[in-house]
PDB file of N, CA and C in Angstrom:
ATOM      1  N   MET A   1       0.844  -1.172   0.000  1.00  0.00           N
ATOM      2  CA  MET A   1       0.000   0.000   0.000  1.00  0.00           C
ATOM      3  C   MET A   1       0.895   1.242   0.000  1.00  0.00           C
ATOM      4  N   PRO A   2       0.777   2.087  -1.011  1.00  0.00           N
ATOM      5  CA  PRO A   2       1.571   3.308  -1.059  1.00  0.00           C
ATOM      6  C   PRO A   2       1.212   4.266   0.081  1.00  0.00           C
ATOM      7  N   ILE A   3       2.246   4.906   0.620  1.00  0.00           N
ATOM      8  CA  ILE A   3       2.039   5.921   1.646  1.00  0.00           C
ATOM      9  C   ILE A   3       2.848   7.149   1.286  1.00  0.00           C
ATOM     10  N   ALA A   4       2.399   8.298   1.789  1.00  0.00           N
ATOM     11  CA  ALA A   4       3.126   9.548   1.563  1.00  0.00           C
ATOM     12  C   ALA A   4       3.097  10.372   2.837  1.00  0.00           C
ATOM     13  N   GLY A   5       4.257  10.835   3.253  1.00  0.00           N
ATOM     14  CA  GLY A   5       4.361  11.816   4.323  1.00  0.00           C
ATOM     15  C   GLY A   5       4.275  13.186   3.671  1.00  0.00           C
ATOM     16  N   VAL A   6       3.372  14.031   4.151  1.00  0.00           N
ATOM     17  CA  VAL A   6       3.145  15.323   3.499  1.00  0.00           C
ATOM     18  C   VAL A   6       3.097  16.460   4.509  1.00  0.00           C
ATOM     19  N   ILE A   7       3.320  17.654   3.987  1.00  0.00           N
ATOM     20  CA  ILE A   7       3.087  18.890   4.719  1.00  0.00           C
ATOM     21  C   ILE A   7       1.950  19.602   4.002  1.00  0.00           C
ATOM     22  N   VAL A   8       0.900  19.934   4.748  1.00  0.00           N
ATOM     23  CA  VAL A   8      -0.244  20.647   4.196  1.00  0.00           C
ATOM     24  C   VAL A   8      -0.146  22.090   4.680  1.00  0.00           C
ATOM     25  N   VAL A   9       0.085  23.006   3.745  1.00  0.00           N
ATOM     26  CA  VAL A   9       0.197  24.424   4.087  1.00  0.00           C
ATOM     27  C   VAL A   9      -1.197  25.034   3.998  1.00  0.00           C
ATOM     28  N   THR A  10      -1.566  25.748   5.064  1.00  0.00           N
ATOM     29  CA  THR A  10      -2.918  26.278   5.166  1.00  0.00           C
ATOM     30  C   THR A  10      -2.919  27.791   5.356  1.00  0.00           C
ATOM     31  N   ALA A  11      -4.068  28.390   5.099  1.00  0.00           N
ATOM     32  CA  ALA A  11      -4.271  29.784   5.489  1.00  0.00           C
ATOM     33  C   ALA A  11      -4.188  29.810   7.013  1.00  0.00           C
ATOM     34  N   PRO A  12      -3.350  30.677   7.587  1.00  0.00           N
ATOM     35  CA  PRO A  12      -3.112  30.642   9.034  1.00  0.00           C
ATOM     36  C   PRO A  12      -4.377  30.709   9.896  1.00  0.00           C
ATOM     37  N   ASP A  13      -5.359  31.442   9.464  1.00  0.00           N
ATOM     38  CA  ASP A  13      -6.573  31.586  10.268  1.00  0.00           C
ATOM     39  C   ASP A  13      -7.506  30.382  10.160  1.00  0.00           C
ATOM     40  N   LYS A  14      -7.187  29.412   9.315  1.00  0.00           N
ATOM     41  CA  LYS A  14      -8.049  28.246   9.120  1.00  0.00           C
ATOM     42  C   LYS A  14      -7.374  26.928   9.504  1.00  0.00           C
ATOM     43  N   THR A  15      -6.169  26.996  10.025  1.00  0.00           N
ATOM     44  CA  THR A  15      -5.386  25.781  10.268  1.00  0.00           C
ATOM     45  C   THR A  15      -6.107  24.779  11.164  1.00  0.00           C
ATOM     46  N   GLN A  16      -6.626  25.217  12.294  1.00  0.00           N
ATOM     47  CA  GLN A  16      -7.265  24.299  13.228  1.00  0.00           C
ATOM     48  C   GLN A  16      -8.505  23.660  12.612  1.00  0.00           C
ATOM     49  N   GLU A  17      -9.289  24.456  11.908  1.00  0.00           N
ATOM     50  CA  GLU A  17     -10.488  23.944  11.239  1.00  0.00           C
ATOM     51  C   GLU A  17     -10.122  22.905  10.172  1.00  0.00           C
ATOM     52  N   ILE A  18      -9.084  23.195   9.403  1.00  0.00           N
ATOM     53  CA  ILE A  18      -8.626  22.266   8.362  1.00  0.00           C
ATOM     54  C   ILE A  18      -8.115  20.971   8.990  1.00  0.00           C
ATOM     55  N   LEU A  19      -7.377  21.081  10.084  1.00  0.00           N
ATOM     56  CA  LEU A  19      -6.875  19.902  10.781  1.00  0.00           C
ATOM     57  C   LEU A  19      -8.036  18.996  11.193  1.00  0.00           C
ATOM     58  N   GLU A  20      -9.076  19.569  11.749  1.00  0.00           N
ATOM     59  CA  GLU A  20     -10.244  18.786  12.168  1.00  0.00           C
ATOM     60  C   GLU A  20     -10.936  18.130  10.967  1.00  0.00           C
ATOM     61  N   GLN A  21     -11.049  18.853   9.861  1.00  0.00           N
ATOM     62  CA  GLN A  21     -11.688  18.291   8.668  1.00  0.00           C
ATOM     63  C   GLN A  21     -10.849  17.163   8.072  1.00  0.00           C
ATOM     64  N   MET A  22      -9.536  17.327   8.073  1.00  0.00           N
ATOM     65  CA  MET A  22      -8.664  16.282   7.543  1.00  0.00           C
ATOM     66  C   MET A  22      -8.786  14.997   8.351  1.00  0.00           C
ATOM     67  N   ASN A  23      -8.973  15.115   9.659  1.00  0.00           N
ATOM     68  CA  ASN A  23      -9.091  13.937  10.522  1.00  0.00           C
ATOM     69  C   ASN A  23     -10.329  13.113  10.211  1.00  0.00           C
ATOM     70  N   ALA A  24     -11.302  13.696   9.527  1.00  0.00           N
ATOM     71  CA  ALA A  24     -12.519  12.977   9.164  1.00  0.00           C
ATOM     72  C   ALA A  24     -12.336  12.132   7.900  1.00  0.00           C
ATOM     73  N   PHE A  25     -11.254  12.346   7.175  1.00  0.00           N
ATOM     74  CA  PHE A  25     -10.998  11.602   5.937  1.00  0.00           C
ATOM     75  C   PHE A  25     -10.364  10.254   6.249  1.00  0.00           C
ATOM     76  N   GLU A  26     -10.897   9.217   5.599  1.00  0.00           N
ATOM     77  CA  GLU A  26     -10.297   7.896   5.700  1.00  0.00           C
ATOM     78  C   GLU A  26      -8.947   7.928   4.984  1.00  0.00           C
ATOM     79  N   ASN A  27      -7.990   7.207   5.498  1.00  0.00           N
ATOM     80  CA  ASN A  27      -6.641   7.110   4.917  1.00  0.00           C
ATOM     81  C   ASN A  27      -5.798   8.362   5.096  1.00  0.00           C
ATOM     82  N   VAL A  28      -6.197   9.228   6.027  1.00  0.00           N
ATOM     83  CA  VAL A  28      -5.398  10.404   6.378  1.00  0.00           C
ATOM     84  C   VAL A  28      -5.138  10.357   7.879  1.00  0.00           C
ATOM     85  N   THR A  29      -3.871  10.437   8.263  1.00  0.00           N
ATOM     86  CA  THR A  29      -3.496  10.516   9.675  1.00  0.00           C
ATOM     87  C   THR A  29      -2.714  11.802   9.861  1.00  0.00           C
ATOM     88  N   THR A  30      -3.144  12.630  10.809  1.00  0.00           N
ATOM     89  CA  THR A  30      -2.439  13.882  11.058  1.00  0.00           C
ATOM     90  C   THR A  30      -1.578  13.746  12.305  1.00  0.00           C
ATOM     91  N   TYR A  31      -0.494  14.529  12.328  1.00  0.00           N
ATOM     92  CA  TYR A  31       0.453  14.480  13.435  1.00  0.00           C
ATOM     93  C   TYR A  31       0.724  15.855  14.025  1.00  0.00           C
ATOM     94  N   GLY A  32      -0.236  16.755  13.880  1.00  0.00           N
ATOM     95  CA  GLY A  32      -0.109  18.060  14.508  1.00  0.00           C
ATOM     96  C   GLY A  32       0.266  19.164  13.544  1.00  0.00           C
ATOM     97  N   VAL A  33       0.494  20.341  14.146  1.00  0.00           N
ATOM     98  CA  VAL A  33       0.760  21.560  13.390  1.00  0.00           C
ATOM     99  C   VAL A  33       2.175  22.034  13.701  1.00  0.00           C
ATOM    100  N   HIS A  34       2.880  22.431  12.672  1.00  0.00           N
ATOM    101  CA  HIS A  34       4.251  22.941  12.790  1.00  0.00           C
ATOM    102  C   HIS A  34       4.291  24.370  12.244  1.00  0.00           C
ATOM    103  N   LYS A  35       4.937  25.255  12.955  1.00  0.00           N
ATOM    104  CA  LYS A  35       5.104  26.656  12.534  1.00  0.00           C
ATOM    105  C   LYS A  35       3.788  27.356  12.222  1.00  0.00           C
ATOM    106  N   GLY A  36       2.753  27.020  12.958  1.00  0.00           N
ATOM    107  CA  GLY A  36       1.497  27.754  12.870  1.00  0.00           C
ATOM    108  C   GLY A  36       0.537  27.359  11.768  1.00  0.00           C
ATOM    109  N   ASN A  37       1.041  27.039  10.580  1.00  0.00           N
ATOM    110  CA  ASN A  37       0.120  26.713   9.482  1.00  0.00           C
ATOM    111  C   ASN A  37       0.618  25.586   8.569  1.00  0.00           C
ATOM    112  N   HIS A  38       1.419  24.684   9.130  1.00  0.00           N
ATOM    113  CA  HIS A  38       1.901  23.515   8.391  1.00  0.00           C
ATOM    114  C   HIS A  38       1.413  22.260   9.110  1.00  0.00           C
ATOM    115  N   ILE A  39       0.471  21.552   8.511  1.00  0.00           N
ATOM    116  CA  ILE A  39      -0.048  20.326   9.101  1.00  0.00           C
ATOM    117  C   ILE A  39       0.785  19.154   8.599  1.00  0.00           C
ATOM    118  N   VAL A  40       1.279  18.350   9.532  1.00  0.00           N
ATOM    119  CA  VAL A  40       2.068  17.165   9.207  1.00  0.00           C
ATOM    120  C   VAL A  40       1.102  15.982   9.125  1.00  0.00           C
ATOM    121  N   ALA A  41       1.156  15.240   8.008  1.00  0.00           N
ATOM    122  CA  ALA A  41       0.199  14.155   7.812  1.00  0.00           C
ATOM    123  C   ALA A  41       0.808  13.008   7.014  1.00  0.00           C
ATOM    124  N   VAL A  42       0.133  11.865   7.086  1.00  0.00           N
ATOM    125  CA  VAL A  42       0.469  10.701   6.268  1.00  0.00           C
ATOM    126  C   VAL A  42      -0.788  10.297   5.520  1.00  0.00           C
ATOM    127  N   PHE A  43      -0.642  10.082   4.214  1.00  0.00           N
ATOM    128  CA  PHE A  43      -1.734   9.621   3.359  1.00  0.00           C
ATOM    129  C   PHE A  43      -1.453   8.173   2.970  1.00  0.00           C
ATOM    130  N   GLU A  44      -2.509   7.366   2.879  1.00  0.00           N
ATOM    131  CA  GLU A  44      -2.402   5.988   2.417  1.00  0.00           C
ATOM    132  C   GLU A  44      -3.434   5.764   1.316  1.00  0.00           C
ATOM    133  N   ALA A  45      -3.082   4.942   0.335  1.00  0.00           N
ATOM    134  CA  ALA A  45      -4.009   4.625  -0.761  1.00  0.00           C
ATOM    135  C   ALA A  45      -3.636   3.274  -1.356  1.00  0.00           C
ATOM    136  N   ASP A  46      -4.503   2.759  -2.217  1.00  0.00           N
ATOM    137  CA  ASP A  46      -4.249   1.474  -2.867  1.00  0.00           C
ATOM    138  C   ASP A  46      -3.232   1.573  -3.997  1.00  0.00           C
ATOM    139  N   SER A  47      -3.017   2.799  -4.500  1.00  0.00           N
ATOM    140  CA  SER A  47      -2.075   3.000  -5.610  1.00  0.00           C
ATOM    141  C   SER A  47      -1.506   4.407  -5.535  1.00  0.00           C
ATOM    142  N   SER A  48      -0.446   4.646  -6.299  1.00  0.00           N
ATOM    143  CA  SER A  48       0.116   5.998  -6.337  1.00  0.00           C
ATOM    144  C   SER A  48      -0.888   6.977  -6.934  1.00  0.00           C
ATOM    145  N   LYS A  49      -1.689   6.521  -7.882  1.00  0.00           N
ATOM    146  CA  LYS A  49      -2.753   7.356  -8.453  1.00  0.00           C
ATOM    147  C   LYS A  49      -3.773   7.701  -7.369  1.00  0.00           C
ATOM    148  N   GLY A  50      -4.038   6.749  -6.476  1.00  0.00           N
ATOM    149  CA  GLY A  50      -4.955   6.976  -5.367  1.00  0.00           C
ATOM    150  C   GLY A  50      -4.451   8.051  -4.416  1.00  0.00           C
ATOM    151  N   LEU A  51      -3.124   8.089  -4.188  1.00  0.00           N
ATOM    152  CA  LEU A  51      -2.544   9.150  -3.363  1.00  0.00           C
ATOM    153  C   LEU A  51      -2.791  10.514  -4.004  1.00  0.00           C
ATOM    154  N   GLU A  52      -2.614  10.565  -5.304  1.00  0.00           N
ATOM    155  CA  GLU A  52      -2.840  11.813  -6.040  1.00  0.00           C
ATOM    156  C   GLU A  52      -4.309  12.241  -5.941  1.00  0.00           C
ATOM    157  N   LYS A  53      -5.216  11.282  -6.096  1.00  0.00           N
ATOM    158  CA  LYS A  53      -6.651  11.587  -6.003  1.00  0.00           C
ATOM    159  C   LYS A  53      -7.029  12.057  -4.600  1.00  0.00           C
ATOM    160  N   LEU A  54      -6.446  11.437  -3.579  1.00  0.00           N
ATOM    161  CA  LEU A  54      -6.718  11.843  -2.204  1.00  0.00           C
ATOM    162  C   LEU A  54      -6.272  13.275  -1.973  1.00  0.00           C
ATOM    163  N   SER A  55      -5.090  13.602  -2.440  1.00  0.00           N
ATOM    164  CA  SER A  55      -4.576  14.958  -2.317  1.00  0.00           C
ATOM    165  C   SER A  55      -5.476  15.961  -3.039  1.00  0.00           C
ATOM    166  N   ASP A  56      -5.873  15.626  -4.255  1.00  0.00           N
ATOM    167  CA  ASP A  56      -6.767  16.513  -5.020  1.00  0.00           C
ATOM    168  C   ASP A  56      -8.115  16.659  -4.328  1.00  0.00           C
ATOM    169  N   ASN A  57      -8.629  15.573  -3.773  1.00  0.00           N
ATOM    170  CA  ASN A  57      -9.918  15.600  -3.092  1.00  0.00           C
ATOM    171  C   ASN A  57      -9.873  16.524  -1.865  1.00  0.00           C
ATOM    172  N   LEU A  58      -8.806  16.418  -1.092  1.00  0.00           N
ATOM    173  CA  LEU A  58      -8.659  17.297   0.075  1.00  0.00           C
ATOM    174  C   LEU A  58      -8.613  18.758  -0.347  1.00  0.00           C
ATOM    175  N   THR A  59      -7.827  19.049  -1.353  1.00  0.00           N
ATOM    176  CA  THR A  59      -7.689  20.431  -1.833  1.00  0.00           C
ATOM    177  C   THR A  59      -9.016  20.972  -2.351  1.00  0.00           C
ATOM    178  N   ASP A  60      -9.776  20.139  -3.054  1.00  0.00           N
ATOM    179  CA  ASP A  60     -11.062  20.569  -3.606  1.00  0.00           C
ATOM    180  C   ASP A  60     -12.125  20.751  -2.534  1.00  0.00           C
ATOM    181  N   ARG A  61     -12.113  19.909  -1.502  1.00  0.00           N
ATOM    182  CA  ARG A  61     -13.208  19.890  -0.525  1.00  0.00           C
ATOM    183  C   ARG A  61     -12.966  20.731   0.725  1.00  0.00           C
ATOM    184  N   ILE A  62     -11.723  21.109   0.984  1.00  0.00           N
ATOM    185  CA  ILE A  62     -11.433  21.866   2.204  1.00  0.00           C
ATOM    186  C   ILE A  62     -10.868  23.246   1.825  1.00  0.00           C
ATOM    187  N   PRO A  63     -11.671  24.286   1.949  1.00  0.00           N
ATOM    188  CA  PRO A  63     -11.178  25.639   1.652  1.00  0.00           C
ATOM    189  C   PRO A  63     -10.068  26.038   2.632  1.00  0.00           C
ATOM    190  N   GLY A  64      -9.074  26.721   2.116  1.00  0.00           N
ATOM    191  CA  GLY A  64      -7.994  27.201   2.965  1.00  0.00           C
ATOM    192  C   GLY A  64      -6.715  26.408   2.857  1.00  0.00           C
ATOM    193  N   ILE A  65      -6.756  25.274   2.136  1.00  0.00           N
ATOM    194  CA  ILE A  65      -5.507  24.540   1.885  1.00  0.00           C
ATOM    195  C   ILE A  65      -4.790  25.251   0.750  1.00  0.00           C
ATOM    196  N   LEU A  66      -3.582  25.722   1.040  1.00  0.00           N
ATOM    197  CA  LEU A  66      -2.795  26.447   0.043  1.00  0.00           C
ATOM    198  C   LEU A  66      -1.931  25.518  -0.803  1.00  0.00           C
ATOM    199  N   GLY A  67      -1.592  24.364  -0.244  1.00  0.00           N
ATOM    200  CA  GLY A  67      -0.788  23.404  -0.994  1.00  0.00           C
ATOM    201  C   GLY A  67      -0.515  22.165  -0.166  1.00  0.00           C
ATOM    202  N   ILE A  68      -0.308  21.045  -0.851  1.00  0.00           N
ATOM    203  CA  ILE A  68       0.062  19.787  -0.205  1.00  0.00           C
ATOM    204  C   ILE A  68       1.381  19.354  -0.817  1.00  0.00           C
ATOM    205  N   TYR A  69       2.402  19.221   0.049  1.00  0.00           N
ATOM    206  CA  TYR A  69       3.755  18.977  -0.417  1.00  0.00           C
ATOM    207  C   TYR A  69       4.291  17.667   0.159  1.00  0.00           C
ATOM    208  N   PRO A  70       4.548  16.682  -0.699  1.00  0.00           N
ATOM    209  CA  PRO A  70       5.078  15.408  -0.203  1.00  0.00           C
ATOM    210  C   PRO A  70       6.525  15.560   0.263  1.00  0.00           C
ATOM    211  N   SER A  71       6.836  14.910   1.377  1.00  0.00           N
ATOM    212  CA  SER A  71       8.226  14.871   1.835  1.00  0.00           C
ATOM    213  C   SER A  71       8.790  13.458   1.704  1.00  0.00           C
ATOM    214  N   TYR A  72       7.885  12.468   1.619  1.00  0.00           N
ATOM    215  CA  TYR A  72       8.297  11.080   1.479  1.00  0.00           C
ATOM    216  C   TYR A  72       7.167  10.310   0.810  1.00  0.00           C
ATOM    217  N   VAL A  73       7.503   9.494  -0.167  1.00  0.00           N
ATOM    218  CA  VAL A  73       6.510   8.634  -0.813  1.00  0.00           C
ATOM    219  C   VAL A  73       7.114   7.237  -0.960  1.00  0.00           C
ATOM    220  N   ASN A  74       6.355   6.217  -0.553  1.00  0.00           N
ATOM    221  CA  ASN A  74       6.798   4.837  -0.706  1.00  0.00           C
ATOM    222  C   ASN A  74       5.718   4.090  -1.476  1.00  0.00           C
ATOM    223  N   PHE A  75       6.104   3.580  -2.640  1.00  0.00           N
ATOM    224  CA  PHE A  75       5.171   2.806  -3.454  1.00  0.00           C
ATOM    225  C   PHE A  75       5.837   1.555  -4.013  1.00  0.00           C
ATOM    226  N   GLU A  76       6.789   1.021  -3.262  1.00  0.00           N
ATOM    227  CA  GLU A  76       7.547  -0.143  -3.752  1.00  0.00           C
ATOM    228  C   GLU A  76       6.670  -1.361  -4.005  1.00  0.00           C
ATOM    229  N   ASP A  77       5.514  -1.453  -3.322  1.00  0.00           N
ATOM    230  CA  ASP A  77       4.603  -2.579  -3.563  1.00  0.00           C
ATOM    231  C   ASP A  77       4.045  -2.571  -4.989  1.00  0.00           C
ATOM    232  N   GLU A  78       4.031  -1.407  -5.633  1.00  0.00           N
ATOM    233  CA  GLU A  78       3.516  -1.308  -6.996  1.00  0.00           C
ATOM    234  C   GLU A  78       4.547  -1.724  -8.031  1.00  0.00           C
ATOM    235  N   VAL A  79       5.806  -1.678  -7.683  1.00  0.00           N
ATOM    236  CA  VAL A  79       6.875  -1.999  -8.620  1.00  0.00           C
ATOM    237  C   VAL A  79       7.069  -3.505  -8.659  1.00  0.00           C
ATOM    238  N   GLY A  80       7.218  -4.043  -9.858  1.00  0.00           N
ATOM    239  CA  GLY A  80       7.513  -5.456  -9.904  1.00  0.00           C
ATOM    240  C   GLY A  80       6.690  -6.145 -10.847  1.00  0.00           C
TER     241      GLY A  80
END
């Protein structure tokens, strides 16, 4: 199962609200807020395309997300 460690940059005045909304999504685990408006999270999906769709879905459905930036992606299960 592919996973991605990401930083979600938010509008500073919406960070807490966005964090709560992200916690309602299946396959998203949050690990708190860094520097006021950077949410640390891990995404999981059945495929690398699924990770991309999850990221797009979050951006489309939660106002105030300025960007989602991967710091680590593991999809070795797909290779082979």
